[in-house]
Protein backbone atom coordinates (compact mmCIF):
# COMPACT_ATOMS: atom_id res chain seq x y z
CA MET A 1 21.56 -19.44 -55.74
CA GLY A 2 20.86 -22.44 -53.58
CA THR A 3 20.57 -23.49 -49.98
CA ILE A 4 24.01 -23.61 -48.47
CA PHE A 5 23.19 -24.46 -44.88
CA SER A 6 20.12 -25.84 -43.20
CA GLY A 7 18.94 -27.03 -39.81
CA ALA A 8 21.73 -25.61 -37.64
CA HIS A 9 21.24 -23.99 -34.25
CA ASN A 10 22.56 -20.61 -33.20
CA LEU A 11 22.36 -20.02 -29.46
CA ALA A 12 23.48 -16.38 -29.77
CA MET A 13 20.63 -15.21 -32.04
CA LYS A 14 17.58 -14.14 -30.01
CA CYS A 15 14.06 -14.30 -31.38
CA PRO A 16 12.81 -10.74 -32.04
CA PHE A 17 9.29 -11.77 -30.97
CA CYS A 18 9.78 -13.55 -27.63
CA LEU A 19 13.52 -12.99 -27.02
CA HIS A 20 14.15 -16.72 -26.58
CA SER A 21 17.80 -17.51 -27.29
CA ASP A 22 17.40 -20.86 -29.08
CA THR A 23 16.66 -20.50 -32.77
CA ALA A 24 17.19 -22.88 -35.67
CA VAL A 25 18.44 -21.92 -39.12
CA VAL A 26 15.90 -23.43 -41.52
CA ASP A 27 17.35 -22.03 -44.74
CA SER A 28 20.43 -20.07 -45.84
CA ARG A 29 21.06 -18.51 -49.21
CA GLU A 30 23.81 -16.40 -50.69
CA SER A 31 22.79 -13.06 -52.14
CA GLU A 32 23.12 -12.85 -55.91
CA ASP A 33 26.21 -10.66 -55.64
CA LEU A 34 27.70 -12.93 -52.92
CA SER A 35 28.03 -9.98 -50.50
CA SER A 36 25.83 -11.47 -47.79
CA ILE A 37 24.09 -14.59 -46.57
CA ARG A 38 20.36 -14.52 -45.86
CA ARG A 39 19.27 -16.90 -43.11
CA ARG A 40 15.67 -17.85 -42.29
CA ARG A 41 15.42 -18.77 -38.64
CA GLU A 42 12.71 -20.31 -36.50
CA CYS A 43 12.32 -19.77 -32.77
CA GLU A 44 12.19 -23.03 -30.87
CA LYS A 45 9.91 -21.51 -28.22
CA CYS A 46 7.24 -19.51 -30.10
CA GLY A 47 7.72 -21.05 -33.57
CA LYS A 48 7.81 -17.71 -35.39
CA ARG A 49 10.21 -17.23 -38.29
CA PHE A 50 12.47 -14.27 -39.03
CA THR A 51 15.31 -13.36 -41.35
CA THR A 52 18.88 -12.35 -40.54
CA TYR A 53 21.70 -11.26 -42.83
CA GLU A 54 25.39 -12.00 -42.42
CA ARG A 55 27.94 -9.65 -44.02
CA VAL A 56 31.68 -9.23 -43.90
CA GLU A 57 32.66 -6.52 -41.44
CA THR A 58 34.94 -3.91 -42.93
CA THR A 59 36.94 -0.98 -41.58
CA PRO A 60 34.57 1.74 -40.36
CA LEU A 61 33.90 4.39 -42.97
CA ILE A 62 33.41 8.03 -41.96
CA VAL A 63 31.09 10.20 -44.04
CA VAL A 64 32.05 13.87 -44.29
CA LYS A 65 28.85 15.94 -44.51
CA LYS A 66 28.42 19.18 -46.51
CA ASP A 67 28.88 21.29 -43.36
CA GLY A 68 32.09 19.47 -42.40
CA ARG A 69 30.57 17.25 -39.71
CA ARG A 70 31.72 13.65 -39.68
CA GLU A 71 29.56 10.64 -38.90
CA SER A 72 29.86 6.89 -39.23
CA TYR A 73 28.60 5.39 -42.47
CA ASP A 74 25.16 3.91 -41.92
CA ARG A 75 23.97 1.30 -44.42
CA ASN A 76 20.39 1.60 -43.15
CA LYS A 77 20.38 5.36 -43.70
CA LEU A 78 21.51 4.90 -47.31
CA LEU A 79 18.98 2.13 -47.91
CA GLY A 80 16.24 4.24 -46.32
CA GLY A 81 16.98 7.16 -48.64
CA ILE A 82 16.85 4.91 -51.68
CA LEU A 83 13.62 3.24 -50.53
CA LYS A 84 12.03 6.63 -49.92
CA ALA A 85 12.89 7.72 -53.47
CA CYS A 86 11.54 4.41 -54.83
CA GLU A 87 8.29 4.49 -52.86
CA LYS A 88 5.34 3.32 -55.01
CA ARG A 89 7.71 2.56 -57.88
CA PRO A 90 8.29 -0.92 -59.37
CA ILE A 91 11.55 -1.41 -57.45
CA SER A 92 11.85 -4.31 -55.03
CA LEU A 93 13.62 -4.30 -51.67
CA ASP A 94 16.11 -6.81 -53.11
CA LEU A 95 16.92 -4.43 -55.96
CA ALA A 96 17.37 -1.49 -53.56
CA GLU A 97 19.65 -3.63 -51.37
CA GLY A 98 21.60 -4.59 -54.49
CA ILE A 99 22.16 -0.90 -55.21
CA VAL A 100 23.45 -0.40 -51.66
CA ASN A 101 25.73 -3.44 -52.00
CA ASP A 102 27.17 -2.09 -55.27
CA ILE A 103 27.72 1.34 -53.75
CA GLU A 104 29.39 -0.16 -50.68
CA ARG A 105 31.79 -2.11 -52.90
CA LYS A 106 32.69 1.11 -54.73
CA LEU A 107 33.13 2.97 -51.45
CA CYS A 108 35.57 0.34 -50.20
CA VAL A 109 37.66 0.81 -53.33
CA MET A 110 37.36 4.64 -53.43
CA ALA A 111 37.96 5.60 -49.84
CA ASP A 112 40.57 4.95 -47.21
CA SER A 113 38.51 5.81 -44.16
CA GLU A 114 36.57 8.96 -45.11
CA ILE A 115 34.28 9.86 -47.99
CA ALA A 116 32.27 12.97 -48.77
CA SER A 117 28.50 12.56 -48.57
CA ARG A 118 28.23 14.20 -52.02
CA GLU A 119 30.22 11.29 -53.52
CA ILE A 120 27.79 8.78 -52.03
CA GLY A 121 24.86 10.86 -53.29
CA GLN A 122 26.37 10.91 -56.80
CA LEU A 123 26.72 7.13 -56.80
CA VAL A 124 23.07 6.76 -55.81
CA MET A 125 21.93 9.24 -58.45
CA GLU A 126 23.90 7.43 -61.19
CA ARG A 127 22.18 4.16 -60.30
CA LEU A 128 18.68 5.63 -59.96
CA LYS A 129 18.99 7.59 -63.20
CA LYS A 130 19.50 4.31 -65.09
CA LEU A 131 16.88 2.43 -63.09
CA ASP A 132 13.88 4.75 -62.65
CA LYS A 133 13.59 8.41 -63.67
CA ILE A 134 10.94 9.22 -61.05
CA ALA A 135 13.03 7.74 -58.22
CA TYR A 136 15.99 9.67 -59.59
CA VAL A 137 14.13 13.01 -59.48
CA ARG A 138 12.82 12.28 -55.98
CA PHE A 139 16.30 11.47 -54.68
CA ALA A 140 17.81 14.47 -56.49
CA SER A 141 15.24 16.81 -54.95
CA VAL A 142 16.41 15.91 -51.45
CA TYR A 143 20.09 15.41 -52.25
CA ARG A 144 20.40 18.69 -54.16
CA GLN A 145 17.98 20.48 -51.80
CA PHE A 146 15.61 21.79 -54.46
CA GLN A 147 14.15 25.13 -53.45
CA ASP A 148 11.46 25.66 -56.08
CA VAL A 149 9.74 24.26 -59.17
CA GLU A 150 12.50 25.60 -61.44
CA ASP A 151 14.95 23.17 -59.81
CA PHE A 152 12.64 20.27 -60.74
CA GLU A 153 12.24 21.58 -64.26
CA LYS A 154 16.02 21.74 -64.78
CA VAL A 155 16.42 18.09 -63.83
CA ALA A 156 13.41 17.04 -65.92
CA ARG A 157 14.88 18.79 -68.98
CA LEU A 158 18.19 16.96 -68.48
CA LEU A 159 16.35 13.63 -68.44
CA LYS A 160 14.62 14.27 -71.79
């Protein structure tokens, strides 16, 4: 994974700190799975640095919720759920983003334009179960809507 682009200007990317429109790309790197490009930018006005990510835009995916509602797939919502389950666990942001990238690749193959939220939840649980048992139980407790201690005990027994 090496620098693939350096020193270019992007007039369309505004600085999140001062909103100046001239920023310079100081470093670009491909993600390990080649699904995105990470760019470090520097504002030419205030000098602060920030990171942007470039991804391929795909056909919008609709998530069908348990109650039948439909909503647009939201990468940040999926990442947020994974990060919440992994809180205070030895799992880096890069690793969590890698899980999301893997799941998104599977979703593109599995679905035409709609996918059930339970299928996404299952994909997350499969990954977390292999990665970190505590994160798995945390995610399962929300995903499966545990009602009492017995629900936790059932999952814990399955993990043993």
